[in-house]
């Protein structure tokens, strides 16, 4: 039976649409957020359990300490039997260090793009395949003056990540994804003295990373 707007009230229209199953609550359209381990217990704890699939996570890290965070992230994906991709325009990936951290290289696609623009294009292409559970973009070793990341690019990556339900993690020394990231975490280098009990007269400095959430939304 056709609905005539001139004769039907707003309440009648909503009732008829609901009866036909054409209405649903906005909350029902939202997919439940799936959190997975980042490989770092402190980061997991700060992010209420882990990083979100279908979203961009941004880790702003110093050069020293960035590699082991990335390798731990990739190793955590390997423990989940995931298919992983690493886009690495600075060619900074160290195979032996990654293997020692527990990264299964048979599960990893390593893309060495010549510049940042092509690296971003590679991320889009990889996500479009919908075959990769975790996609990492490593820009830590790229000179900040050479990084140009238009908002339209992050908008597309965010949409593709949601469609593929992939975990997308960007490592960089400055905030790049901005509001397109569901979480942005800054890591700062910390030093502390520790003693070797077998050599009490010799102290050494150990480098650790302090984490701080600078932006988070779900």
C-alpha atoms as a PDB file:
ATOM      1  CA  UNK A   1       0.000   0.000   0.000  1.00  0.00           C
ATOM      2  CA  UNK A   2       1.618   3.296  -1.031  1.00  0.00           C
ATOM      3  CA  UNK A   3       2.260   5.934   1.612  1.00  0.00           C
ATOM      4  CA  UNK A   4       1.032   9.425   0.800  1.00  0.00           C
ATOM      5  CA  UNK A   5       3.080  12.007   2.703  1.00  0.00           C
ATOM      6  CA  UNK A   6       0.238  14.516   2.498  1.00  0.00           C
ATOM      7  CA  UNK A   7      -2.079  12.209   4.416  1.00  0.00           C
ATOM      8  CA  UNK A   8       0.218  10.243   6.735  1.00  0.00           C
ATOM      9  CA  UNK A   9       1.757  11.624   9.906  1.00  0.00           C
ATOM     10  CA  UNK A  10       5.426  11.162  10.690  1.00  0.00           C
ATOM     11  CA  UNK A  11       4.528   8.535  13.285  1.00  0.00           C
ATOM     12  CA  UNK A  12       2.484   6.527  10.776  1.00  0.00           C
ATOM     13  CA  UNK A  13       5.318   6.580   8.258  1.00  0.00           C
ATOM     14  CA  UNK A  14       7.828   5.318  10.836  1.00  0.00           C
ATOM     15  CA  UNK A  15       5.413   2.597  11.941  1.00  0.00           C
ATOM     16  CA  UNK A  16       4.920   1.355   8.384  1.00  0.00           C
ATOM     17  CA  UNK A  17       8.655   1.422   7.645  1.00  0.00           C
ATOM     18  CA  UNK A  18       9.436  -0.431  10.862  1.00  0.00           C
ATOM     19  CA  UNK A  19       6.814  -3.067  10.052  1.00  0.00           C
ATOM     20  CA  UNK A  20       8.441  -3.615   6.661  1.00  0.00           C
ATOM     21  CA  UNK A  21      11.850  -4.024   8.305  1.00  0.00           C
ATOM     22  CA  UNK A  22      13.233  -0.919   6.646  1.00  0.00           C
ATOM     23  CA  UNK A  23      14.333   0.732   9.880  1.00  0.00           C
ATOM     24  CA  UNK A  24      17.116  -0.131  12.277  1.00  0.00           C
ATOM     25  CA  UNK A  25      18.997   1.648  15.017  1.00  0.00           C
ATOM     26  CA  UNK A  26      22.282   3.333  14.131  1.00  0.00           C
ATOM     27  CA  UNK A  27      24.047   1.286  16.831  1.00  0.00           C
ATOM     28  CA  UNK A  28      23.007  -1.887  15.011  1.00  0.00           C
ATOM     29  CA  UNK A  29      24.987  -0.797  11.951  1.00  0.00           C
ATOM     30  CA  UNK A  30      28.239  -0.614  13.888  1.00  0.00           C
ATOM     31  CA  UNK A  31      30.483  -3.662  13.703  1.00  0.00           C
ATOM     32  CA  UNK A  32      31.825  -4.872  17.039  1.00  0.00           C
ATOM     33  CA  UNK A  33      35.420  -3.758  17.507  1.00  0.00           C
ATOM     34  CA  UNK A  34      37.938  -6.599  17.455  1.00  0.00           C
ATOM     35  CA  UNK A  35      41.076  -5.887  19.478  1.00  0.00           C
ATOM     36  CA  UNK A  36      44.299  -7.822  18.923  1.00  0.00           C
ATOM     37  CA  UNK A  37      47.612  -7.813  20.748  1.00  0.00           C
ATOM     38  CA  UNK A  38      50.238  -5.277  19.683  1.00  0.00           C
ATOM     39  CA  UNK A  39      52.993  -7.482  21.094  1.00  0.00           C
ATOM     40  CA  UNK A  40      53.596  -4.878  23.826  1.00  0.00           C
ATOM     41  CA  UNK A  41      51.831  -5.515  27.135  1.00  0.00           C
ATOM     42  CA  UNK A  42      51.939  -1.878  28.210  1.00  0.00           C
ATOM     43  CA  UNK A  43      50.466  -0.687  24.921  1.00  0.00           C
ATOM     44  CA  UNK A  44      47.745  -3.340  25.083  1.00  0.00           C
ATOM     45  CA  UNK A  45      46.855  -2.205  28.589  1.00  0.00           C
ATOM     46  CA  UNK A  46      46.710   1.465  27.593  1.00  0.00           C
ATOM     47  CA  UNK A  47      44.480   0.679  24.610  1.00  0.00           C
ATOM     48  CA  UNK A  48      41.981  -1.377  26.636  1.00  0.00           C
ATOM     49  CA  UNK A  49      43.219  -4.721  25.356  1.00  0.00           C
ATOM     50  CA  UNK A  50      45.007  -4.087  22.079  1.00  0.00           C
ATOM     51  CA  UNK A  51      44.815  -2.394  18.695  1.00  0.00           C
ATOM     52  CA  UNK A  52      41.597  -2.372  16.677  1.00  0.00           C
ATOM     53  CA  UNK A  53      41.035  -4.261  13.446  1.00  0.00           C
ATOM     54  CA  UNK A  54      39.458  -2.229  10.678  1.00  0.00           C
ATOM     55  CA  UNK A  55      41.139   0.928  11.961  1.00  0.00           C
ATOM     56  CA  UNK A  56      44.385   2.874  11.624  1.00  0.00           C
ATOM     57  CA  UNK A  57      46.660   2.904  14.662  1.00  0.00           C
ATOM     58  CA  UNK A  58      49.460   5.449  14.747  1.00  0.00           C
ATOM     59  CA  UNK A  59      52.642   4.897  16.759  1.00  0.00           C
ATOM     60  CA  UNK A  60      54.855   7.974  16.989  1.00  0.00           C
ATOM     61  CA  UNK A  61      58.239   6.624  17.980  1.00  0.00           C
ATOM     62  CA  UNK A  62      61.887   7.721  18.122  1.00  0.00           C
ATOM     63  CA  UNK A  63      64.373   6.015  15.855  1.00  0.00           C
ATOM     64  CA  UNK A  64      65.885   4.092  18.768  1.00  0.00           C
ATOM     65  CA  UNK A  65      63.349   1.544  19.963  1.00  0.00           C
ATOM     66  CA  UNK A  66      61.031   1.686  16.955  1.00  0.00           C
ATOM     67  CA  UNK A  67      62.360  -1.494  15.359  1.00  0.00           C
ATOM     68  CA  UNK A  68      61.734  -3.805  18.302  1.00  0.00           C
ATOM     69  CA  UNK A  69      58.195  -2.433  18.719  1.00  0.00           C
ATOM     70  CA  UNK A  70      57.485  -3.198  15.062  1.00  0.00           C
ATOM     71  CA  UNK A  71      59.054  -6.664  15.213  1.00  0.00           C
ATOM     72  CA  UNK A  72      57.043  -7.507  18.349  1.00  0.00           C
ATOM     73  CA  UNK A  73      53.885  -6.366  16.549  1.00  0.00           C
ATOM     74  CA  UNK A  74      54.648  -8.568  13.544  1.00  0.00           C
ATOM     75  CA  UNK A  75      55.573 -11.504  15.793  1.00  0.00           C
ATOM     76  CA  UNK A  76      52.238 -11.180  17.611  1.00  0.00           C
ATOM     77  CA  UNK A  77      50.496 -11.423  14.233  1.00  0.00           C
ATOM     78  CA  UNK A  78      52.471 -14.547  13.387  1.00  0.00           C
ATOM     79  CA  UNK A  79      51.314 -16.139  16.653  1.00  0.00           C
ATOM     80  CA  UNK A  80      47.743 -15.545  15.430  1.00  0.00           C
ATOM     81  CA  UNK A  81      48.636 -17.272  12.122  1.00  0.00           C
ATOM     82  CA  UNK A  82      47.994 -14.051  10.226  1.00  0.00           C
ATOM     83  CA  UNK A  83      49.106 -12.933   6.797  1.00  0.00           C
ATOM     84  CA  UNK A  84      51.186  -9.773   7.209  1.00  0.00           C
ATOM     85  CA  UNK A  85      52.474  -6.964   5.026  1.00  0.00           C
ATOM     86  CA  UNK A  86      55.223  -4.447   5.738  1.00  0.00           C
ATOM     87  CA  UNK A  87      55.633  -1.381   3.526  1.00  0.00           C
ATOM     88  CA  UNK A  88      59.145  -0.038   4.057  1.00  0.00           C
ATOM     89  CA  UNK A  89      60.193   2.959   1.892  1.00  0.00           C
ATOM     90  CA  UNK A  90      63.412   3.523   3.871  1.00  0.00           C
ATOM     91  CA  UNK A  91      64.524  -0.108   3.485  1.00  0.00           C
ATOM     92  CA  UNK A  92      65.134  -0.383   7.221  1.00  0.00           C
ATOM     93  CA  UNK A  93      63.806  -3.911   7.805  1.00  0.00           C
ATOM     94  CA  UNK A  94      66.442  -6.215   9.320  1.00  0.00           C
ATOM     95  CA  UNK A  95      65.680  -9.821   8.502  1.00  0.00           C
ATOM     96  CA  UNK A  96      67.791 -11.455  11.195  1.00  0.00           C
ATOM     97  CA  UNK A  97      66.529  -9.138  13.952  1.00  0.00           C
ATOM     98  CA  UNK A  98      62.935  -9.787  12.908  1.00  0.00           C
ATOM     99  CA  UNK A  99      63.488 -13.527  12.828  1.00  0.00           C
ATOM    100  CA  UNK A 100      65.085 -13.402  16.287  1.00  0.00           C
ATOM    101  CA  UNK A 101      62.004 -11.536  17.577  1.00  0.00           C
ATOM    102  CA  UNK A 102      59.753 -14.348  16.370  1.00  0.00           C
ATOM    103  CA  UNK A 103      58.616 -13.062  12.971  1.00  0.00           C
ATOM    104  CA  UNK A 104      57.786 -15.893  10.557  1.00  0.00           C
ATOM    105  CA  UNK A 105      59.100 -14.520   7.270  1.00  0.00           C
ATOM    106  CA  UNK A 106      56.953 -16.979   5.323  1.00  0.00           C
ATOM    107  CA  UNK A 107      53.907 -15.041   6.519  1.00  0.00           C
ATOM    108  CA  UNK A 108      55.289 -11.614   5.648  1.00  0.00           C
ATOM    109  CA  UNK A 109      55.093  -9.609   2.428  1.00  0.00           C
ATOM    110  CA  UNK A 110      57.907  -7.046   2.471  1.00  0.00           C
ATOM    111  CA  UNK A 111      57.388  -4.105   0.105  1.00  0.00           C
ATOM    112  CA  UNK A 112      60.380  -1.787  -0.435  1.00  0.00           C
ATOM    113  CA  UNK A 113      58.885   1.211  -2.205  1.00  0.00           C
ATOM    114  CA  UNK A 114      61.196   3.952  -3.538  1.00  0.00           C
ATOM    115  CA  UNK A 115      59.347   6.861  -1.897  1.00  0.00           C
ATOM    116  CA  UNK A 116      56.521   7.737   0.478  1.00  0.00           C
ATOM    117  CA  UNK A 117      53.980   8.405  -2.252  1.00  0.00           C
ATOM    118  CA  UNK A 118      54.387   4.921  -3.681  1.00  0.00           C
ATOM    119  CA  UNK A 119      54.457   3.466  -0.168  1.00  0.00           C
ATOM    120  CA  UNK A 120      50.996   4.901   0.500  1.00  0.00           C
ATOM    121  CA  UNK A 121      49.803   3.583  -2.851  1.00  0.00           C
ATOM    122  CA  UNK A 122      51.167   0.155  -1.900  1.00  0.00           C
ATOM    123  CA  UNK A 123      49.209   0.227   1.369  1.00  0.00           C
ATOM    124  CA  UNK A 124      46.009   1.002  -0.539  1.00  0.00           C
ATOM    125  CA  UNK A 125      46.670  -1.804  -3.028  1.00  0.00           C
ATOM    126  CA  UNK A 126      47.426  -4.325  -0.283  1.00  0.00           C
ATOM    127  CA  UNK A 127      44.261  -3.444   1.622  1.00  0.00           C
ATOM    128  CA  UNK A 128      42.222  -3.663  -1.586  1.00  0.00           C
ATOM    129  CA  UNK A 129      43.250  -7.330  -1.869  1.00  0.00           C
ATOM    130  CA  UNK A 130      41.529  -8.074   1.467  1.00  0.00           C
ATOM    131  CA  UNK A 131      44.019 -10.893   2.050  1.00  0.00           C
ATOM    132  CA  UNK A 132      46.199  -9.338   4.757  1.00  0.00           C
ATOM    133  CA  UNK A 133      45.285  -9.331   8.445  1.00  0.00           C
ATOM    134  CA  UNK A 134      47.943  -6.813   9.500  1.00  0.00           C
ATOM    135  CA  UNK A 135      49.474  -4.066   7.366  1.00  0.00           C
ATOM    136  CA  UNK A 136      52.393  -2.022   8.729  1.00  0.00           C
ATOM    137  CA  UNK A 137      53.711   1.206   7.202  1.00  0.00           C
ATOM    138  CA  UNK A 138      57.172   2.059   8.517  1.00  0.00           C
ATOM    139  CA  UNK A 139      58.118   5.735   7.992  1.00  0.00           C
ATOM    140  CA  UNK A 140      60.425   6.103  10.995  1.00  0.00           C
ATOM    141  CA  UNK A 141      63.631   6.332   8.962  1.00  0.00           C
ATOM    142  CA  UNK A 142      62.169   8.658   6.321  1.00  0.00           C
ATOM    143  CA  UNK A 143      63.222  12.296   6.587  1.00  0.00           C
ATOM    144  CA  UNK A 144      60.242  14.259   7.848  1.00  0.00           C
ATOM    145  CA  UNK A 145      60.719  16.925   5.186  1.00  0.00           C
ATOM    146  CA  UNK A 146      60.069  14.293   2.518  1.00  0.00           C
ATOM    147  CA  UNK A 147      56.770  13.071   3.965  1.00  0.00           C
ATOM    148  CA  UNK A 148      53.661  14.371   2.199  1.00  0.00           C
ATOM    149  CA  UNK A 149      50.445  12.657   3.193  1.00  0.00           C
ATOM    150  CA  UNK A 150      47.254  14.325   1.911  1.00  0.00           C
ATOM    151  CA  UNK A 151      44.078  13.869   3.967  1.00  0.00           C
ATOM    152  CA  UNK A 152      42.406  12.197   0.975  1.00  0.00           C
ATOM    153  CA  UNK A 153      44.971   9.381   1.143  1.00  0.00           C
ATOM    154  CA  UNK A 154      44.291   8.672   4.818  1.00  0.00           C
ATOM    155  CA  UNK A 155      40.558   8.810   4.127  1.00  0.00           C
ATOM    156  CA  UNK A 156      40.921   6.069   1.523  1.00  0.00           C
ATOM    157  CA  UNK A 157      43.191   3.968   3.741  1.00  0.00           C
ATOM    158  CA  UNK A 158      40.723   4.271   6.613  1.00  0.00           C
ATOM    159  CA  UNK A 159      37.858   3.132   4.375  1.00  0.00           C
ATOM    160  CA  UNK A 160      39.861   0.226   2.917  1.00  0.00           C
ATOM    161  CA  UNK A 161      40.974  -0.885   6.397  1.00  0.00           C
ATOM    162  CA  UNK A 162      37.340  -0.983   7.528  1.00  0.00           C
ATOM    163  CA  UNK A 163      36.266  -2.938   4.462  1.00  0.00           C
ATOM    164  CA  UNK A 164      39.090  -5.471   4.824  1.00  0.00           C
ATOM    165  CA  UNK A 165      38.893  -5.515   8.646  1.00  0.00           C
ATOM    166  CA  UNK A 166      42.672  -5.314   8.671  1.00  0.00           C
ATOM    167  CA  UNK A 167      44.864  -3.959  11.437  1.00  0.00           C
ATOM    168  CA  UNK A 168      46.742  -0.995   9.949  1.00  0.00           C
ATOM    169  CA  UNK A 169      49.659   0.374  11.984  1.00  0.00           C
ATOM    170  CA  UNK A 170      51.712   3.420  10.983  1.00  0.00           C
ATOM    171  CA  UNK A 171      55.144   3.917  12.564  1.00  0.00           C
ATOM    172  CA  UNK A 172      56.542   7.436  12.213  1.00  0.00           C
ATOM    173  CA  UNK A 173      58.351  10.198  14.088  1.00  0.00           C
ATOM    174  CA  UNK A 174      55.452  12.631  13.775  1.00  0.00           C
ATOM    175  CA  UNK A 175      51.678  12.444  13.635  1.00  0.00           C
ATOM    176  CA  UNK A 176      50.610  11.788  10.045  1.00  0.00           C
ATOM    177  CA  UNK A 177      47.201  10.107  10.049  1.00  0.00           C
ATOM    178  CA  UNK A 178      45.816  12.576  12.588  1.00  0.00           C
ATOM    179  CA  UNK A 179      42.075  12.274  13.082  1.00  0.00           C
ATOM    180  CA  UNK A 180      41.880   9.349  10.659  1.00  0.00           C
ATOM    181  CA  UNK A 181      43.619   7.137  13.256  1.00  0.00           C
ATOM    182  CA  UNK A 182      41.531   5.512  15.967  1.00  0.00           C
ATOM    183  CA  UNK A 183      44.472   5.807  18.344  1.00  0.00           C
ATOM    184  CA  UNK A 184      47.732   7.761  18.301  1.00  0.00           C
ATOM    185  CA  UNK A 185      50.413   6.786  20.795  1.00  0.00           C
ATOM    186  CA  UNK A 186      53.651   8.660  21.388  1.00  0.00           C
ATOM    187  CA  UNK A 187      56.684   6.759  22.636  1.00  0.00           C
ATOM    188  CA  UNK A 188      59.500   8.670  24.308  1.00  0.00           C
ATOM    189  CA  UNK A 189      62.971   7.329  25.008  1.00  0.00           C
ATOM    190  CA  UNK A 190      63.833   6.777  28.646  1.00  0.00           C
ATOM    191  CA  UNK A 191      67.138   5.755  30.175  1.00  0.00           C
ATOM    192  CA  UNK A 192      67.695   4.113  33.513  1.00  0.00           C
ATOM    193  CA  UNK A 193      70.693   2.619  35.276  1.00  0.00           C
ATOM    194  CA  UNK A 194      70.757  -1.038  36.038  1.00  0.00           C
ATOM    195  CA  UNK A 195      73.360  -3.222  37.710  1.00  0.00           C
ATOM    196  CA  UNK A 196      74.722  -6.521  36.649  1.00  0.00           C
ATOM    197  CA  UNK A 197      74.758  -8.658  39.828  1.00  0.00           C
ATOM    198  CA  UNK A 198      77.789 -10.567  38.530  1.00  0.00           C
ATOM    199  CA  UNK A 199      79.705  -7.315  38.005  1.00  0.00           C
ATOM    200  CA  UNK A 200      78.552  -4.990  40.816  1.00  0.00           C
ATOM    201  CA  UNK A 201      81.049  -2.245  40.071  1.00  0.00           C
ATOM    202  CA  UNK A 202      79.897  -1.754  36.517  1.00  0.00           C
ATOM    203  CA  UNK A 203      76.588  -0.092  35.785  1.00  0.00           C
ATOM    204  CA  UNK A 204      75.018   0.237  32.362  1.00  0.00           C
ATOM    205  CA  UNK A 205      72.294   2.378  30.841  1.00  0.00           C
ATOM    206  CA  UNK A 206      69.225   0.593  29.513  1.00  0.00           C
ATOM    207  CA  UNK A 207      66.940   2.288  26.991  1.00  0.00           C
ATOM    208  CA  UNK A 208      63.177   1.852  27.383  1.00  0.00           C
ATOM    209  CA  UNK A 209      60.168   3.582  25.844  1.00  0.00           C
ATOM    210  CA  UNK A 210      57.541   5.502  27.758  1.00  0.00           C
ATOM    211  CA  UNK A 211      54.098   5.445  26.125  1.00  0.00           C
ATOM    212  CA  UNK A 212      51.465   8.171  26.081  1.00  0.00           C
ATOM    213  CA  UNK A 213      48.105   8.203  24.283  1.00  0.00           C
ATOM    214  CA  UNK A 214      47.687  11.534  22.526  1.00  0.00           C
ATOM    215  CA  UNK A 215      44.469  10.696  20.668  1.00  0.00           C
ATOM    216  CA  UNK A 216      41.978   7.871  20.965  1.00  0.00           C
ATOM    217  CA  UNK A 217      38.484   7.240  19.657  1.00  0.00           C
ATOM    218  CA  UNK A 218      36.370   4.154  19.180  1.00  0.00           C
END
